[in-house]
Amino acid sequence: MKKRVVMALLAMSLLSTTAQALTLEEARIQGRVGETLTGYVAAISKDKETLALVDRINKARTESYQQLADRNNIPVDDVAKMAGQKLVERAKPGDYVQGINGKWLKK
């Protein structure tokens, strides 16, 4: 019985941690991250939670870009740059994007 209670408490704590994790959309709205022309998201805010999110997102993007590059027999950097152009163009008003000069601009 105690084991079940402990397991239930552990499961609840894991679920609450996952539910409280920062999402990319939340980070964008809060001005903590922005899109770059390189195809990757970059941290504007340098707190631990934002940096962890940026790392997770960029790892997933790298995998996706590599798969597309392999399928189309083109360099992965070309895929990333094409994606970066689209992501910057599609950024919503109020989102941050990094210009070619490296400065952050609010759309």
N, C-alpha and C. Protein backbone atom coordinates (compact mmCIF):
# COMPACT_ATOMS: atom_id res chain seq x y z
N MET A 1 0.83 -1.19 0.00
CA MET A 1 0.00 0.00 0.00
C MET A 1 0.87 1.26 0.00
N LYS A 2 1.90 1.30 0.88
CA LYS A 2 2.80 2.45 0.92
C LYS A 2 3.50 2.64 -0.41
N LYS A 3 3.85 1.53 -1.02
CA LYS A 3 4.56 1.58 -2.29
C LYS A 3 3.68 2.24 -3.36
N ARG A 4 2.39 1.94 -3.37
CA ARG A 4 1.46 2.54 -4.33
C ARG A 4 1.34 4.04 -4.12
N VAL A 5 1.27 4.45 -2.87
CA VAL A 5 1.16 5.88 -2.55
C VAL A 5 2.41 6.62 -3.00
N VAL A 6 3.56 6.05 -2.71
CA VAL A 6 4.83 6.66 -3.11
C VAL A 6 4.90 6.76 -4.63
N MET A 7 4.53 5.67 -5.30
CA MET A 7 4.55 5.68 -6.77
C MET A 7 3.58 6.72 -7.33
N ALA A 8 2.41 6.84 -6.74
CA ALA A 8 1.43 7.82 -7.19
C ALA A 8 1.96 9.24 -6.98
N LEU A 9 2.57 9.48 -5.84
CA LEU A 9 3.13 10.81 -5.57
C LEU A 9 4.26 11.13 -6.55
N LEU A 10 5.11 10.15 -6.84
CA LEU A 10 6.18 10.37 -7.81
C LEU A 10 5.60 10.67 -9.19
N ALA A 11 4.60 9.92 -9.58
CA ALA A 11 3.97 10.15 -10.88
C ALA A 11 3.36 11.54 -10.96
N MET A 12 2.69 11.95 -9.89
CA MET A 12 2.08 13.28 -9.87
C MET A 12 3.13 14.37 -9.94
N SER A 13 4.24 14.19 -9.23
CA SER A 13 5.28 15.21 -9.26
C SER A 13 5.92 15.30 -10.64
N LEU A 14 6.09 14.15 -11.30
CA LEU A 14 6.63 14.17 -12.66
C LEU A 14 5.67 14.84 -13.62
N LEU A 15 4.40 14.56 -13.49
CA LEU A 15 3.41 15.19 -14.36
C LEU A 15 3.35 16.69 -14.13
N SER A 16 3.41 17.12 -12.89
CA SER A 16 3.35 18.55 -12.61
C SER A 16 4.59 19.26 -13.13
N THR A 17 5.75 18.59 -13.06
CA THR A 17 6.97 19.17 -13.60
C THR A 17 6.87 19.32 -15.10
N THR A 18 6.37 18.29 -15.75
CA THR A 18 6.22 18.32 -17.20
C THR A 18 5.21 19.40 -17.59
N ALA A 19 4.13 19.48 -16.87
CA ALA A 19 3.09 20.46 -17.20
C ALA A 19 3.61 21.89 -17.01
N GLN A 20 4.55 22.08 -16.12
CA GLN A 20 5.06 23.41 -15.84
C GLN A 20 6.24 23.79 -16.72
N ALA A 21 6.72 22.87 -17.54
CA ALA A 21 7.87 23.15 -18.40
C ALA A 21 7.52 24.26 -19.39
N LEU A 22 8.47 25.11 -19.62
CA LEU A 22 8.31 26.23 -20.54
C LEU A 22 8.16 25.71 -21.96
N THR A 23 7.17 26.24 -22.69
CA THR A 23 6.99 25.87 -24.09
C THR A 23 7.61 26.95 -24.97
N LEU A 24 7.86 26.59 -26.22
CA LEU A 24 8.42 27.55 -27.15
C LEU A 24 7.47 28.73 -27.34
N GLU A 25 6.19 28.47 -27.45
CA GLU A 25 5.22 29.55 -27.64
C GLU A 25 5.21 30.49 -26.44
N GLU A 26 5.25 29.94 -25.23
CA GLU A 26 5.29 30.78 -24.03
C GLU A 26 6.56 31.63 -24.01
N ALA A 27 7.67 31.02 -24.37
CA ALA A 27 8.95 31.74 -24.38
C ALA A 27 8.93 32.86 -25.41
N ARG A 28 8.30 32.62 -26.55
CA ARG A 28 8.18 33.68 -27.57
C ARG A 28 7.33 34.84 -27.05
N ILE A 29 6.18 34.50 -26.49
CA ILE A 29 5.26 35.53 -25.97
C ILE A 29 5.94 36.36 -24.88
N GLN A 30 6.74 35.71 -24.06
CA GLN A 30 7.41 36.39 -22.96
C GLN A 30 8.68 37.12 -23.40
N GLY A 31 9.02 37.01 -24.68
CA GLY A 31 10.22 37.69 -25.19
C GLY A 31 11.52 37.06 -24.72
N ARG A 32 11.48 35.77 -24.41
CA ARG A 32 12.66 35.08 -23.90
C ARG A 32 13.49 34.45 -24.99
N VAL A 33 12.89 34.21 -26.16
CA VAL A 33 13.59 33.60 -27.29
C VAL A 33 13.18 34.30 -28.58
N GLY A 34 13.99 34.09 -29.60
CA GLY A 34 13.66 34.64 -30.90
C GLY A 34 14.18 33.72 -32.00
N GLU A 35 13.62 33.90 -33.18
CA GLU A 35 14.04 33.12 -34.34
C GLU A 35 15.23 33.80 -35.01
N THR A 36 16.08 32.97 -35.61
CA THR A 36 17.24 33.50 -36.32
C THR A 36 17.20 33.02 -37.77
N LEU A 37 17.97 33.69 -38.61
CA LEU A 37 18.05 33.30 -40.02
C LEU A 37 18.83 32.01 -40.22
N THR A 38 19.47 31.53 -39.17
CA THR A 38 20.22 30.27 -39.26
C THR A 38 19.31 29.06 -39.15
N GLY A 39 18.04 29.28 -38.80
CA GLY A 39 17.10 28.17 -38.66
C GLY A 39 16.97 27.67 -37.23
N TYR A 40 17.65 28.33 -36.33
CA TYR A 40 17.61 27.91 -34.93
C TYR A 40 17.06 29.04 -34.06
N VAL A 41 16.47 28.64 -32.95
CA VAL A 41 15.96 29.61 -31.98
C VAL A 41 17.14 30.00 -31.09
N ALA A 42 17.14 31.24 -30.64
CA ALA A 42 18.21 31.73 -29.76
C ALA A 42 17.59 32.35 -28.51
N ALA A 43 18.32 32.24 -27.42
CA ALA A 43 17.86 32.79 -26.15
C ALA A 43 18.14 34.28 -26.09
N ILE A 44 17.12 35.02 -25.72
CA ILE A 44 17.29 36.44 -25.41
C ILE A 44 17.51 36.56 -23.91
N SER A 45 16.72 35.82 -23.17
CA SER A 45 16.87 35.73 -21.72
C SER A 45 17.81 34.57 -21.44
N LYS A 46 18.75 34.77 -20.57
CA LYS A 46 19.79 33.76 -20.32
C LYS A 46 19.55 32.93 -19.06
N ASP A 47 18.29 32.84 -18.62
CA ASP A 47 18.00 32.03 -17.44
C ASP A 47 18.05 30.54 -17.80
N LYS A 48 18.20 29.72 -16.78
CA LYS A 48 18.40 28.28 -16.95
C LYS A 48 17.25 27.62 -17.73
N GLU A 49 16.03 27.98 -17.41
CA GLU A 49 14.86 27.38 -18.06
C GLU A 49 14.82 27.70 -19.56
N THR A 50 15.11 28.95 -19.90
CA THR A 50 15.11 29.36 -21.30
C THR A 50 16.24 28.67 -22.06
N LEU A 51 17.42 28.62 -21.47
CA LEU A 51 18.55 27.97 -22.13
C LEU A 51 18.30 26.48 -22.37
N ALA A 52 17.64 25.83 -21.41
CA ALA A 52 17.30 24.41 -21.57
C ALA A 52 16.29 24.22 -22.71
N LEU A 53 15.32 25.11 -22.78
CA LEU A 53 14.33 25.05 -23.86
C LEU A 53 15.00 25.23 -25.21
N VAL A 54 15.85 26.22 -25.33
CA VAL A 54 16.56 26.50 -26.58
C VAL A 54 17.38 25.27 -26.99
N ASP A 55 18.03 24.66 -26.06
CA ASP A 55 18.83 23.47 -26.36
C ASP A 55 17.95 22.34 -26.88
N ARG A 56 16.81 22.10 -26.22
CA ARG A 56 15.89 21.03 -26.66
C ARG A 56 15.35 21.30 -28.06
N ILE A 57 14.90 22.53 -28.29
CA ILE A 57 14.32 22.89 -29.59
C ILE A 57 15.37 22.76 -30.68
N ASN A 58 16.55 23.27 -30.44
CA ASN A 58 17.59 23.24 -31.47
C ASN A 58 18.08 21.83 -31.77
N LYS A 59 18.12 20.96 -30.78
CA LYS A 59 18.49 19.57 -31.02
C LYS A 59 17.45 18.90 -31.92
N ALA A 60 16.18 19.15 -31.64
CA ALA A 60 15.11 18.57 -32.46
C ALA A 60 15.17 19.12 -33.88
N ARG A 61 15.42 20.42 -34.02
CA ARG A 61 15.53 21.01 -35.35
C ARG A 61 16.71 20.44 -36.11
N THR A 62 17.84 20.26 -35.44
CA THR A 62 19.02 19.69 -36.09
C THR A 62 18.70 18.31 -36.67
N GLU A 63 18.03 17.48 -35.89
CA GLU A 63 17.65 16.15 -36.37
C GLU A 63 16.73 16.23 -37.58
N SER A 64 15.76 17.12 -37.51
CA SER A 64 14.81 17.29 -38.61
C SER A 64 15.51 17.81 -39.86
N TYR A 65 16.37 18.80 -39.70
CA TYR A 65 17.10 19.35 -40.84
C TYR A 65 18.00 18.29 -41.48
N GLN A 66 18.63 17.47 -40.65
CA GLN A 66 19.51 16.43 -41.16
C GLN A 66 18.72 15.40 -41.98
N GLN A 67 17.56 15.02 -41.49
CA GLN A 67 16.72 14.08 -42.22
C GLN A 67 16.32 14.65 -43.58
N LEU A 68 15.91 15.91 -43.60
CA LEU A 68 15.54 16.56 -44.87
C LEU A 68 16.73 16.65 -45.81
N ALA A 69 17.88 16.98 -45.27
CA ALA A 69 19.09 17.10 -46.09
C ALA A 69 19.45 15.74 -46.69
N ASP A 70 19.38 14.71 -45.89
CA ASP A 70 19.71 13.36 -46.37
C ASP A 70 18.74 12.92 -47.47
N ARG A 71 17.45 13.18 -47.27
CA ARG A 71 16.44 12.77 -48.26
C ARG A 71 16.59 13.50 -49.58
N ASN A 72 17.04 14.75 -49.51
CA ASN A 72 17.12 15.59 -50.71
C ASN A 72 18.54 15.77 -51.23
N ASN A 73 19.49 15.11 -50.58
CA ASN A 73 20.89 15.15 -51.01
C ASN A 73 21.41 16.59 -51.14
N ILE A 74 21.16 17.38 -50.10
CA ILE A 74 21.66 18.75 -50.04
C ILE A 74 22.32 18.97 -48.68
N PRO A 75 23.19 19.97 -48.58
CA PRO A 75 23.85 20.24 -47.29
C PRO A 75 22.85 20.63 -46.20
N VAL A 76 23.09 20.14 -45.01
CA VAL A 76 22.20 20.44 -43.88
C VAL A 76 22.14 21.94 -43.59
N ASP A 77 23.25 22.65 -43.81
CA ASP A 77 23.24 24.10 -43.59
C ASP A 77 22.27 24.82 -44.53
N ASP A 78 22.14 24.31 -45.76
CA ASP A 78 21.18 24.90 -46.70
C ASP A 78 19.75 24.70 -46.22
N VAL A 79 19.46 23.52 -45.70
CA VAL A 79 18.12 23.24 -45.16
C VAL A 79 17.84 24.18 -43.99
N ALA A 80 18.80 24.32 -43.08
CA ALA A 80 18.62 25.16 -41.90
C ALA A 80 18.38 26.62 -42.30
N LYS A 81 19.14 27.11 -43.28
CA LYS A 81 18.98 28.50 -43.72
C LYS A 81 17.63 28.73 -44.38
N MET A 82 17.18 27.76 -45.18
CA MET A 82 15.85 27.88 -45.80
C MET A 82 14.77 27.92 -44.72
N ALA A 83 14.91 27.05 -43.74
CA ALA A 83 13.95 27.03 -42.64
C ALA A 83 14.00 28.34 -41.86
N GLY A 84 15.21 28.85 -41.63
CA GLY A 84 15.37 30.11 -40.91
C GLY A 84 14.66 31.26 -41.59
N GLN A 85 14.78 31.35 -42.90
CA GLN A 85 14.09 32.40 -43.66
C GLN A 85 12.58 32.30 -43.43
N LYS A 86 12.05 31.09 -43.55
CA LYS A 86 10.60 30.89 -43.38
C LYS A 86 10.15 31.18 -41.95
N LEU A 87 10.93 30.72 -40.98
CA LEU A 87 10.56 30.94 -39.58
C LEU A 87 10.57 32.42 -39.22
N VAL A 88 11.54 33.16 -39.73
CA VAL A 88 11.59 34.61 -39.47
C VAL A 88 10.42 35.30 -40.16
N GLU A 89 10.13 34.91 -41.41
CA GLU A 89 9.01 35.51 -42.13
C GLU A 89 7.68 35.23 -41.44
N ARG A 90 7.54 34.03 -40.90
CA ARG A 90 6.27 33.62 -40.27
C ARG A 90 6.12 34.06 -38.82
N ALA A 91 7.14 34.66 -38.26
CA ALA A 91 7.05 35.11 -36.86
C ALA A 91 5.86 36.05 -36.71
N LYS A 92 5.19 35.92 -35.60
CA LYS A 92 3.98 36.71 -35.33
C LYS A 92 4.36 38.11 -34.84
N PRO A 93 3.45 39.05 -34.99
CA PRO A 93 3.70 40.38 -34.42
C PRO A 93 3.98 40.26 -32.91
N GLY A 94 5.01 40.92 -32.48
CA GLY A 94 5.41 40.86 -31.07
C GLY A 94 6.53 39.87 -30.81
N ASP A 95 6.75 38.93 -31.75
CA ASP A 95 7.85 37.97 -31.61
C ASP A 95 9.16 38.65 -31.97
N TYR A 96 10.24 38.14 -31.40
CA TYR A 96 11.57 38.65 -31.70
C TYR A 96 12.22 37.82 -32.81
N VAL A 97 12.89 38.52 -33.71
CA VAL A 97 13.69 37.89 -34.76
C VAL A 97 15.04 38.58 -34.78
N GLN A 98 16.05 37.82 -35.17
CA GLN A 98 17.39 38.40 -35.22
C GLN A 98 17.68 38.80 -36.66
N GLY A 99 18.05 40.06 -36.83
CA GLY A 99 18.37 40.57 -38.15
C GLY A 99 19.73 40.10 -38.63
N ILE A 100 20.05 40.42 -39.88
CA ILE A 100 21.33 39.99 -40.44
C ILE A 100 22.51 40.65 -39.72
N ASN A 101 22.23 41.77 -39.03
CA ASN A 101 23.28 42.44 -38.26
C ASN A 101 23.45 41.86 -36.86
N GLY A 102 22.63 40.84 -36.53
CA GLY A 102 22.72 40.19 -35.22
C GLY A 102 21.88 40.85 -34.14
N LYS A 103 21.23 41.96 -34.46
CA LYS A 103 20.41 42.66 -33.45
C LYS A 103 18.99 42.10 -33.45
N TRP A 104 18.40 42.10 -32.26
CA TRP A 104 17.04 41.60 -32.11
C TRP A 104 16.03 42.68 -32.51
N LEU A 105 15.04 42.26 -33.28
CA LEU A 105 13.97 43.15 -33.72
C LEU A 105 12.65 42.54 -33.29
N LYS A 106 11.74 43.40 -32.85
CA LYS A 106 10.41 42.92 -32.49
C LYS A 106 9.50 43.13 -33.69
N LYS A 107 8.89 42.06 -34.17
CA LYS A 107 8.02 42.16 -35.35
C LYS A 107 6.76 42.91 -35.02
